[in-house]
Amino acid sequence: MALARAEAPDSAAAEFFINLADNLPLDHKADDPGNTTGYAVFGQVTAGMDVVDAIGAVPTGDNGPMPGQAPITPIVVKKVSLLK
């Protein structure tokens, strides 16, 4: 799980994403001296992967800022738990 952001590294606000597979293009690039590439991962799914897979199976379209990648039917997360 990581925060979504614009091109600027400190632009993340409230949107997050869960990768369903390795997404190497989002990794930090070792040759980036300005620390402007990569996304900070801050969590992982520890239970309920069936729910994540069901969300991943929802048809996508042009409803958001990333053409073809937003759920056609909005997904509402009702509860998130912070585990320490």
PDB file of N, CA and C in Angstrom:
ATOM      1  N   MET A   1       0.845  -1.157   0.000  1.00  0.00           N
ATOM      2  CA  MET A   1       0.000   0.000   0.000  1.00  0.00           C
ATOM      3  C   MET A   1       0.898   1.229   0.000  1.00  0.00           C
ATOM      4  N   ALA A   2       0.569   2.200  -0.816  1.00  0.00           N
ATOM      5  CA  ALA A   2       1.349   3.427  -0.900  1.00  0.00           C
ATOM      6  C   ALA A   2       0.421   4.588  -1.232  1.00  0.00           C
ATOM      7  N   LEU A   3       0.886   5.794  -0.964  1.00  0.00           N
ATOM      8  CA  LEU A   3       0.110   6.984  -1.297  1.00  0.00           C
ATOM      9  C   LEU A   3       0.297   7.332  -2.764  1.00  0.00           C
ATOM     10  N   ALA A   4      -0.794   7.712  -3.400  1.00  0.00           N
ATOM     11  CA  ALA A   4      -0.737   8.207  -4.775  1.00  0.00           C
ATOM     12  C   ALA A   4      -0.287   9.662  -4.723  1.00  0.00           C
ATOM     13  N   ARG A   5       0.439  10.079  -5.743  1.00  0.00           N
ATOM     14  CA  ARG A   5       0.913  11.463  -5.791  1.00  0.00           C
ATOM     15  C   ARG A   5       1.031  11.924  -7.228  1.00  0.00           C
ATOM     16  N   ALA A   6       1.242  13.211  -7.387  1.00  0.00           N
ATOM     17  CA  ALA A   6       1.504  13.787  -8.706  1.00  0.00           C
ATOM     18  C   ALA A   6       3.001  13.655  -8.987  1.00  0.00           C
ATOM     19  N   GLU A   7       3.531  14.425  -9.906  1.00  0.00           N
ATOM     20  CA  GLU A   7       4.958  14.353 -10.232  1.00  0.00           C
ATOM     21  C   GLU A   7       5.838  14.789  -9.063  1.00  0.00           C
ATOM     22  N   ALA A   8       5.396  15.759  -8.278  1.00  0.00           N
ATOM     23  CA  ALA A   8       6.193  16.243  -7.151  1.00  0.00           C
ATOM     24  C   ALA A   8       6.202  15.203  -6.032  1.00  0.00           C
ATOM     25  N   PRO A   9       7.368  14.910  -5.457  1.00  0.00           N
ATOM     26  CA  PRO A   9       7.463  13.862  -4.439  1.00  0.00           C
ATOM     27  C   PRO A   9       6.596  14.104  -3.203  1.00  0.00           C
ATOM     28  N   ASP A  10       6.386  15.348  -2.814  1.00  0.00           N
ATOM     29  CA  ASP A  10       5.632  15.642  -1.594  1.00  0.00           C
ATOM     30  C   ASP A  10       4.174  16.015  -1.873  1.00  0.00           C
ATOM     31  N   SER A  11       3.600  15.528  -2.948  1.00  0.00           N
ATOM     32  CA  SER A  11       2.250  15.939  -3.333  1.00  0.00           C
ATOM     33  C   SER A  11       1.166  14.937  -2.922  1.00  0.00           C
ATOM     34  N   ALA A  12       1.527  13.851  -2.258  1.00  0.00           N
ATOM     35  CA  ALA A  12       0.525  12.864  -1.834  1.00  0.00           C
ATOM     36  C   ALA A  12      -0.384  13.478  -0.779  1.00  0.00           C
ATOM     37  N   ALA A  13      -1.661  13.130  -0.835  1.00  0.00           N
ATOM     38  CA  ALA A  13      -2.613  13.696   0.113  1.00  0.00           C
ATOM     39  C   ALA A  13      -3.449  12.591   0.761  1.00  0.00           C
ATOM     40  N   ALA A  14      -4.459  12.104   0.049  1.00  0.00           N
ATOM     41  CA  ALA A  14      -5.382  11.166   0.685  1.00  0.00           C
ATOM     42  C   ALA A  14      -5.662   9.915  -0.132  1.00  0.00           C
ATOM     43  N   GLU A  15      -5.218   9.853  -1.359  1.00  0.00           N
ATOM     44  CA  GLU A  15      -5.490   8.679  -2.181  1.00  0.00           C
ATOM     45  C   GLU A  15      -4.359   7.669  -2.024  1.00  0.00           C
ATOM     46  N   PHE A  16      -4.726   6.401  -1.960  1.00  0.00           N
ATOM     47  CA  PHE A  16      -3.712   5.369  -1.852  1.00  0.00           C
ATOM     48  C   PHE A  16      -3.981   4.279  -2.861  1.00  0.00           C
ATOM     49  N   PHE A  17      -3.022   3.404  -3.052  1.00  0.00           N
ATOM     50  CA  PHE A  17      -3.212   2.289  -3.964  1.00  0.00           C
ATOM     51  C   PHE A  17      -2.583   1.041  -3.373  1.00  0.00           C
ATOM     52  N   ILE A  18      -3.116  -0.086  -3.791  1.00  0.00           N
ATOM     53  CA  ILE A  18      -2.596  -1.389  -3.400  1.00  0.00           C
ATOM     54  C   ILE A  18      -2.188  -2.087  -4.691  1.00  0.00           C
ATOM     55  N   ASN A  19      -0.926  -2.444  -4.802  1.00  0.00           N
ATOM     56  CA  ASN A  19      -0.465  -3.182  -5.981  1.00  0.00           C
ATOM     57  C   ASN A  19      -0.850  -4.634  -5.842  1.00  0.00           C
ATOM     58  N   LEU A  20      -1.366  -5.212  -6.910  1.00  0.00           N
ATOM     59  CA  LEU A  20      -1.714  -6.633  -6.925  1.00  0.00           C
ATOM     60  C   LEU A  20      -0.572  -7.483  -7.467  1.00  0.00           C
ATOM     61  N   ALA A  21       0.496  -6.830  -7.912  1.00  0.00           N
ATOM     62  CA  ALA A  21       1.685  -7.513  -8.431  1.00  0.00           C
ATOM     63  C   ALA A  21       2.861  -6.553  -8.303  1.00  0.00           C
ATOM     64  N   ASP A  22       4.080  -7.057  -8.493  1.00  0.00           N
ATOM     65  CA  ASP A  22       5.243  -6.175  -8.484  1.00  0.00           C
ATOM     66  C   ASP A  22       5.044  -5.090  -9.529  1.00  0.00           C
ATOM     67  N   ASN A  23       5.393  -3.869  -9.183  1.00  0.00           N
ATOM     68  CA  ASN A  23       5.218  -2.729 -10.072  1.00  0.00           C
ATOM     69  C   ASN A  23       6.543  -1.966 -10.118  1.00  0.00           C
ATOM     70  N   LEU A  24       7.540  -2.567 -10.736  1.00  0.00           N
ATOM     71  CA  LEU A  24       8.903  -2.043 -10.727  1.00  0.00           C
ATOM     72  C   LEU A  24       9.039  -0.604 -11.242  1.00  0.00           C
ATOM     73  N   PRO A  25       8.215  -0.146 -12.195  1.00  0.00           N
ATOM     74  CA  PRO A  25       8.355   1.249 -12.623  1.00  0.00           C
ATOM     75  C   PRO A  25       8.105   2.264 -11.499  1.00  0.00           C
ATOM     76  N   LEU A  26       7.460   1.835 -10.415  1.00  0.00           N
ATOM     77  CA  LEU A  26       7.195   2.753  -9.306  1.00  0.00           C
ATOM     78  C   LEU A  26       8.295   2.741  -8.246  1.00  0.00           C
ATOM     79  N   ASP A  27       9.307   1.894  -8.412  1.00  0.00           N
ATOM     80  CA  ASP A  27      10.422   1.843  -7.466  1.00  0.00           C
ATOM     81  C   ASP A  27      11.307   3.076  -7.606  1.00  0.00           C
ATOM     82  N   HIS A  28      12.013   3.404  -6.524  1.00  0.00           N
ATOM     83  CA  HIS A  28      12.997   4.486  -6.562  1.00  0.00           C
ATOM     84  C   HIS A  28      14.113   4.114  -7.533  1.00  0.00           C
ATOM     85  N   LYS A  29      14.547   5.073  -8.320  1.00  0.00           N
ATOM     86  CA  LYS A  29      15.640   4.855  -9.266  1.00  0.00           C
ATOM     87  C   LYS A  29      16.960   5.208  -8.578  1.00  0.00           C
ATOM     88  N   ALA A  30      17.892   4.286  -8.549  1.00  0.00           N
ATOM     89  CA  ALA A  30      19.166   4.473  -7.847  1.00  0.00           C
ATOM     90  C   ALA A  30      19.949   5.688  -8.355  1.00  0.00           C
ATOM     91  N   ASP A  31      19.794   6.040  -9.631  1.00  0.00           N
ATOM     92  CA  ASP A  31      20.536   7.172 -10.195  1.00  0.00           C
ATOM     93  C   ASP A  31      19.797   8.499 -10.051  1.00  0.00           C
ATOM     94  N   ASP A  32      18.796   8.561  -9.181  1.00  0.00           N
ATOM     95  CA  ASP A  32      18.016   9.782  -8.970  1.00  0.00           C
ATOM     96  C   ASP A  32      18.584  10.566  -7.784  1.00  0.00           C
ATOM     97  N   PRO A  33      19.418  11.579  -8.044  1.00  0.00           N
ATOM     98  CA  PRO A  33      20.026  12.331  -6.942  1.00  0.00           C
ATOM     99  C   PRO A  33      19.036  13.250  -6.232  1.00  0.00           C
ATOM    100  N   GLY A  34      17.917  13.581  -6.886  1.00  0.00           N
ATOM    101  CA  GLY A  34      16.954  14.503  -6.284  1.00  0.00           C
ATOM    102  C   GLY A  34      15.878  13.831  -5.463  1.00  0.00           C
ATOM    103  N   ASN A  35      15.916  12.505  -5.378  1.00  0.00           N
ATOM    104  CA  ASN A  35      14.915  11.749  -4.637  1.00  0.00           C
ATOM    105  C   ASN A  35      13.498  12.091  -5.093  1.00  0.00           C
ATOM    106  N   THR A  36      13.292  12.126  -6.405  1.00  0.00           N
ATOM    107  CA  THR A  36      11.976  12.463  -6.950  1.00  0.00           C
ATOM    108  C   THR A  36      11.264  11.263  -7.558  1.00  0.00           C
ATOM    109  N   THR A  37      11.891  10.096  -7.547  1.00  0.00           N
ATOM    110  CA  THR A  37      11.257   8.904  -8.098  1.00  0.00           C
ATOM    111  C   THR A  37      10.871   7.958  -6.970  1.00  0.00           C
ATOM    112  N   GLY A  38       9.998   7.045  -7.262  1.00  0.00           N
ATOM    113  CA  GLY A  38       9.608   6.033  -6.292  1.00  0.00           C
ATOM    114  C   GLY A  38       8.452   6.472  -5.414  1.00  0.00           C
ATOM    115  N   TYR A  39       7.818   5.486  -4.828  1.00  0.00           N
ATOM    116  CA  TYR A  39       6.696   5.696  -3.926  1.00  0.00           C
ATOM    117  C   TYR A  39       7.011   5.025  -2.605  1.00  0.00           C
ATOM    118  N   ALA A  40       6.672   5.669  -1.502  1.00  0.00           N
ATOM    119  CA  ALA A  40       6.931   5.107  -0.179  1.00  0.00           C
ATOM    120  C   ALA A  40       5.817   4.135   0.188  1.00  0.00           C
ATOM    121  N   VAL A  41       6.171   2.901   0.381  1.00  0.00           N
ATOM    122  CA  VAL A  41       5.217   1.890   0.819  1.00  0.00           C
ATOM    123  C   VAL A  41       5.060   2.029   2.324  1.00  0.00           C
ATOM    124  N   PHE A  42       3.819   2.092   2.798  1.00  0.00           N
ATOM    125  CA  PHE A  42       3.618   2.287   4.230  1.00  0.00           C
ATOM    126  C   PHE A  42       2.748   1.206   4.868  1.00  0.00           C
ATOM    127  N   GLY A  43       2.337   0.229   4.112  1.00  0.00           N
ATOM    128  CA  GLY A  43       1.496  -0.804   4.709  1.00  0.00           C
ATOM    129  C   GLY A  43       1.410  -2.030   3.827  1.00  0.00           C
ATOM    130  N   GLN A  44       0.773  -3.056   4.372  1.00  0.00           N
ATOM    131  CA  GLN A  44       0.551  -4.283   3.620  1.00  0.00           C
ATOM    132  C   GLN A  44      -0.778  -4.880   4.046  1.00  0.00           C
ATOM    133  N   VAL A  45      -1.359  -5.658   3.183  1.00  0.00           N
ATOM    134  CA  VAL A  45      -2.605  -6.351   3.484  1.00  0.00           C
ATOM    135  C   VAL A  45      -2.242  -7.579   4.311  1.00  0.00           C
ATOM    136  N   THR A  46      -2.767  -7.650   5.528  1.00  0.00           N
ATOM    137  CA  THR A  46      -2.469  -8.789   6.401  1.00  0.00           C
ATOM    138  C   THR A  46      -3.634  -9.758   6.505  1.00  0.00           C
ATOM    139  N   ALA A  47      -4.809  -9.317   6.121  1.00  0.00           N
ATOM    140  CA  ALA A  47      -6.002 -10.172   6.112  1.00  0.00           C
ATOM    141  C   ALA A  47      -6.984  -9.576   5.116  1.00  0.00           C
ATOM    142  N   GLY A  48      -7.817 -10.413   4.545  1.00  0.00           N
ATOM    143  CA  GLY A  48      -8.826  -9.923   3.618  1.00  0.00           C
ATOM    144  C   GLY A  48      -8.340  -9.766   2.191  1.00  0.00           C
ATOM    145  N   MET A  49      -7.327 -10.534   1.817  1.00  0.00           N
ATOM    146  CA  MET A  49      -6.836 -10.437   0.441  1.00  0.00           C
ATOM    147  C   MET A  49      -7.934 -10.781  -0.554  1.00  0.00           C
ATOM    148  N   ASP A  50      -8.916 -11.564  -0.143  1.00  0.00           N
ATOM    149  CA  ASP A  50     -10.048 -11.862  -1.024  1.00  0.00           C
ATOM    150  C   ASP A  50     -10.800 -10.587  -1.386  1.00  0.00           C
ATOM    151  N   VAL A  51     -10.875  -9.647  -0.451  1.00  0.00           N
ATOM    152  CA  VAL A  51     -11.536  -8.368  -0.717  1.00  0.00           C
ATOM    153  C   VAL A  51     -10.700  -7.557  -1.704  1.00  0.00           C
ATOM    154  N   VAL A  52      -9.388  -7.538  -1.504  1.00  0.00           N
ATOM    155  CA  VAL A  52      -8.500  -6.817  -2.424  1.00  0.00           C
ATOM    156  C   VAL A  52      -8.617  -7.407  -3.826  1.00  0.00           C
ATOM    157  N   ASP A  53      -8.629  -8.725  -3.929  1.00  0.00           N
ATOM    158  CA  ASP A  53      -8.771  -9.365  -5.244  1.00  0.00           C
ATOM    159  C   ASP A  53     -10.116  -9.020  -5.881  1.00  0.00           C
ATOM    160  N   ALA A  54     -11.180  -8.943  -5.085  1.00  0.00           N
ATOM    161  CA  ALA A  54     -12.500  -8.568  -5.612  1.00  0.00           C
ATOM    162  C   ALA A  54     -12.477  -7.122  -6.127  1.00  0.00           C
ATOM    163  N   ILE A  55     -11.816  -6.237  -5.401  1.00  0.00           N
ATOM    164  CA  ILE A  55     -11.678  -4.848  -5.860  1.00  0.00           C
ATOM    165  C   ILE A  55     -10.894  -4.825  -7.171  1.00  0.00           C
ATOM    166  N   GLY A  56      -9.833  -5.625  -7.244  1.00  0.00           N
ATOM    167  CA  GLY A  56      -9.016  -5.681  -8.453  1.00  0.00           C
ATOM    168  C   GLY A  56      -9.759  -6.214  -9.663  1.00  0.00           C
ATOM    169  N   ALA A  57     -10.849  -6.953  -9.423  1.00  0.00           N
ATOM    170  CA  ALA A  57     -11.630  -7.529 -10.522  1.00  0.00           C
ATOM    171  C   ALA A  57     -12.719  -6.586 -11.045  1.00  0.00           C
ATOM    172  N   VAL A  58     -12.932  -5.441 -10.382  1.00  0.00           N
ATOM    173  CA  VAL A  58     -13.960  -4.482 -10.804  1.00  0.00           C
ATOM    174  C   VAL A  58     -13.537  -3.861 -12.139  1.00  0.00           C
ATOM    175  N   PRO A  59     -14.449  -3.794 -13.092  1.00  0.00           N
ATOM    176  CA  PRO A  59     -14.115  -3.178 -14.388  1.00  0.00           C
ATOM    177  C   PRO A  59     -13.670  -1.720 -14.224  1.00  0.00           C
ATOM    178  N   THR A  60     -12.680  -1.319 -15.021  1.00  0.00           N
ATOM    179  CA  THR A  60     -12.160   0.038 -14.946  1.00  0.00           C
ATOM    180  C   THR A  60     -12.478   0.821 -16.208  1.00  0.00           C
ATOM    181  N   GLY A  61     -12.418   2.139 -16.072  1.00  0.00           N
ATOM    182  CA  GLY A  61     -12.692   3.034 -17.191  1.00  0.00           C
ATOM    183  C   GLY A  61     -12.020   4.368 -16.957  1.00  0.00           C
ATOM    184  N   ASP A  62     -12.552   5.405 -17.569  1.00  0.00           N
ATOM    185  CA  ASP A  62     -11.937   6.735 -17.538  1.00  0.00           C
ATOM    186  C   ASP A  62     -12.555   7.651 -16.481  1.00  0.00           C
ATOM    187  N   ASN A  63     -12.854   7.151 -15.306  1.00  0.00           N
ATOM    188  CA  ASN A  63     -13.518   7.959 -14.279  1.00  0.00           C
ATOM    189  C   ASN A  63     -12.567   8.760 -13.411  1.00  0.00           C
ATOM    190  N   GLY A  64     -11.290   8.614 -13.568  1.00  0.00           N
ATOM    191  CA  GLY A  64     -10.339   9.295 -12.703  1.00  0.00           C
ATOM    192  C   GLY A  64      -9.215   9.928 -13.485  1.00  0.00           C
ATOM    193  N   PRO A  65      -8.163  10.318 -12.777  1.00  0.00           N
ATOM    194  CA  PRO A  65      -7.051  11.012 -13.425  1.00  0.00           C
ATOM    195  C   PRO A  65      -6.164  10.112 -14.284  1.00  0.00           C
ATOM    196  N   MET A  66      -6.297   8.794 -14.130  1.00  0.00           N
ATOM    197  CA  MET A  66      -5.475   7.868 -14.911  1.00  0.00           C
ATOM    198  C   MET A  66      -6.392   7.139 -15.894  1.00  0.00           C
ATOM    199  N   PRO A  67      -6.434   7.591 -17.142  1.00  0.00           N
ATOM    200  CA  PRO A  67      -7.362   7.026 -18.127  1.00  0.00           C
ATOM    201  C   PRO A  67      -7.327   5.498 -18.177  1.00  0.00           C
ATOM    202  N   GLY A  68      -8.511   4.903 -18.092  1.00  0.00           N
ATOM    203  CA  GLY A  68      -8.652   3.462 -18.197  1.00  0.00           C
ATOM    204  C   GLY A  68      -8.349   2.691 -16.930  1.00  0.00           C
ATOM    205  N   GLN A  69      -7.995   3.378 -15.833  1.00  0.00           N
ATOM    206  CA  GLN A  69      -7.560   2.680 -14.636  1.00  0.00           C
ATOM    207  C   GLN A  69      -8.423   2.909 -13.402  1.00  0.00           C
ATOM    208  N   ALA A  70      -9.454   3.712 -13.484  1.00  0.00           N
ATOM    209  CA  ALA A  70     -10.316   3.963 -12.324  1.00  0.00           C
ATOM    210  C   ALA A  70     -11.520   3.023 -12.360  1.00  0.00           C
ATOM    211  N   PRO A  71     -11.948   2.533 -11.199  1.00  0.00           N
ATOM    212  CA  PRO A  71     -13.135   1.664 -11.176  1.00  0.00           C
ATOM    213  C   PRO A  71     -14.357   2.379 -11.750  1.00  0.00           C
ATOM    214  N   ILE A  72     -15.101   1.689 -12.591  1.00  0.00           N
ATOM    215  CA  ILE A  72     -16.327   2.270 -13.146  1.00  0.00           C
ATOM    216  C   ILE A  72     -17.337   2.476 -12.024  1.00  0.00           C
ATOM    217  N   THR A  73     -17.453   1.498 -11.146  1.00  0.00           N
ATOM    218  CA  THR A  73     -18.288   1.621  -9.948  1.00  0.00           C
ATOM    219  C   THR A  73     -17.367   2.023  -8.809  1.00  0.00           C
ATOM    220  N   PRO A  74     -17.613   3.167  -8.153  1.00  0.00           N
ATOM    221  CA  PRO A  74     -16.724   3.602  -7.076  1.00  0.00           C
ATOM    222  C   PRO A  74     -16.587   2.548  -5.979  1.00  0.00           C
ATOM    223  N   ILE A  75     -15.381   2.417  -5.459  1.00  0.00           N
ATOM    224  CA  ILE A  75     -15.082   1.506  -4.366  1.00  0.00           C
ATOM    225  C   ILE A  75     -14.993   2.349  -3.100  1.00  0.00           C
ATOM    226  N   VAL A  76     -15.719   1.972  -2.063  1.00  0.00           N
ATOM    227  CA  VAL A  76     -15.704   2.701  -0.800  1.00  0.00           C
ATOM    228  C   VAL A  76     -15.080   1.816   0.270  1.00  0.00           C
ATOM    229  N   VAL A  77     -13.991   2.304   0.863  1.00  0.00           N
ATOM    230  CA  VAL A  77     -13.353   1.602   1.973  1.00  0.00           C
ATOM    231  C   VAL A  77     -14.003   2.116   3.248  1.00  0.00           C
ATOM    232  N   LYS A  78     -14.657   1.230   3.968  1.00  0.00           N
ATOM    233  CA  LYS A  78     -15.392   1.622   5.166  1.00  0.00           C
ATOM    234  C   LYS A  78     -14.579   1.515   6.438  1.00  0.00           C
ATOM    235  N   LYS A  79     -13.535   0.684   6.430  1.00  0.00           N
ATOM    236  CA  LYS A  79     -12.766   0.505   7.641  1.00  0.00           C
ATOM    237  C   LYS A  79     -11.330   0.107   7.301  1.00  0.00           C
ATOM    238  N   VAL A  80     -10.408   0.718   8.010  1.00  0.00           N
ATOM    239  CA  VAL A  80      -9.000   0.386   7.926  1.00  0.00           C
ATOM    240  C   VAL A  80      -8.494   0.283   9.344  1.00  0.00           C
ATOM    241  N   SER A  81      -7.686  -0.712   9.634  1.00  0.00           N
ATOM    242  CA  SER A  81      -7.150  -0.877  10.977  1.00  0.00           C
ATOM    243  C   SER A  81      -5.655  -0.680  10.959  1.00  0.00           C
ATOM    244  N   LEU A  82      -5.144   0.016  11.945  1.00  0.00           N
ATOM    245  CA  LEU A  82      -3.721   0.207  12.107  1.00  0.00           C
ATOM    246  C   LEU A  82      -3.218  -0.819  13.106  1.00  0.00           C
ATOM    247  N   LEU A  83      -2.314  -1.680  12.673  1.00  0.00           N
ATOM    248  CA  LEU A  83      -1.744  -2.702  13.544  1.00  0.00           C
ATOM    249  C   LEU A  83      -0.356  -2.259  13.970  1.00  0.00           C
ATOM    250  N   LYS A  84      -0.056  -2.442  15.227  1.00  0.00           N
ATOM    251  CA  LYS A  84       1.275  -2.036  15.724  1.00  0.00           C
ATOM    252  C   LYS A  84       2.072  -3.256  16.073  1.00  0.00           C
TER     253      LYS A  84
END
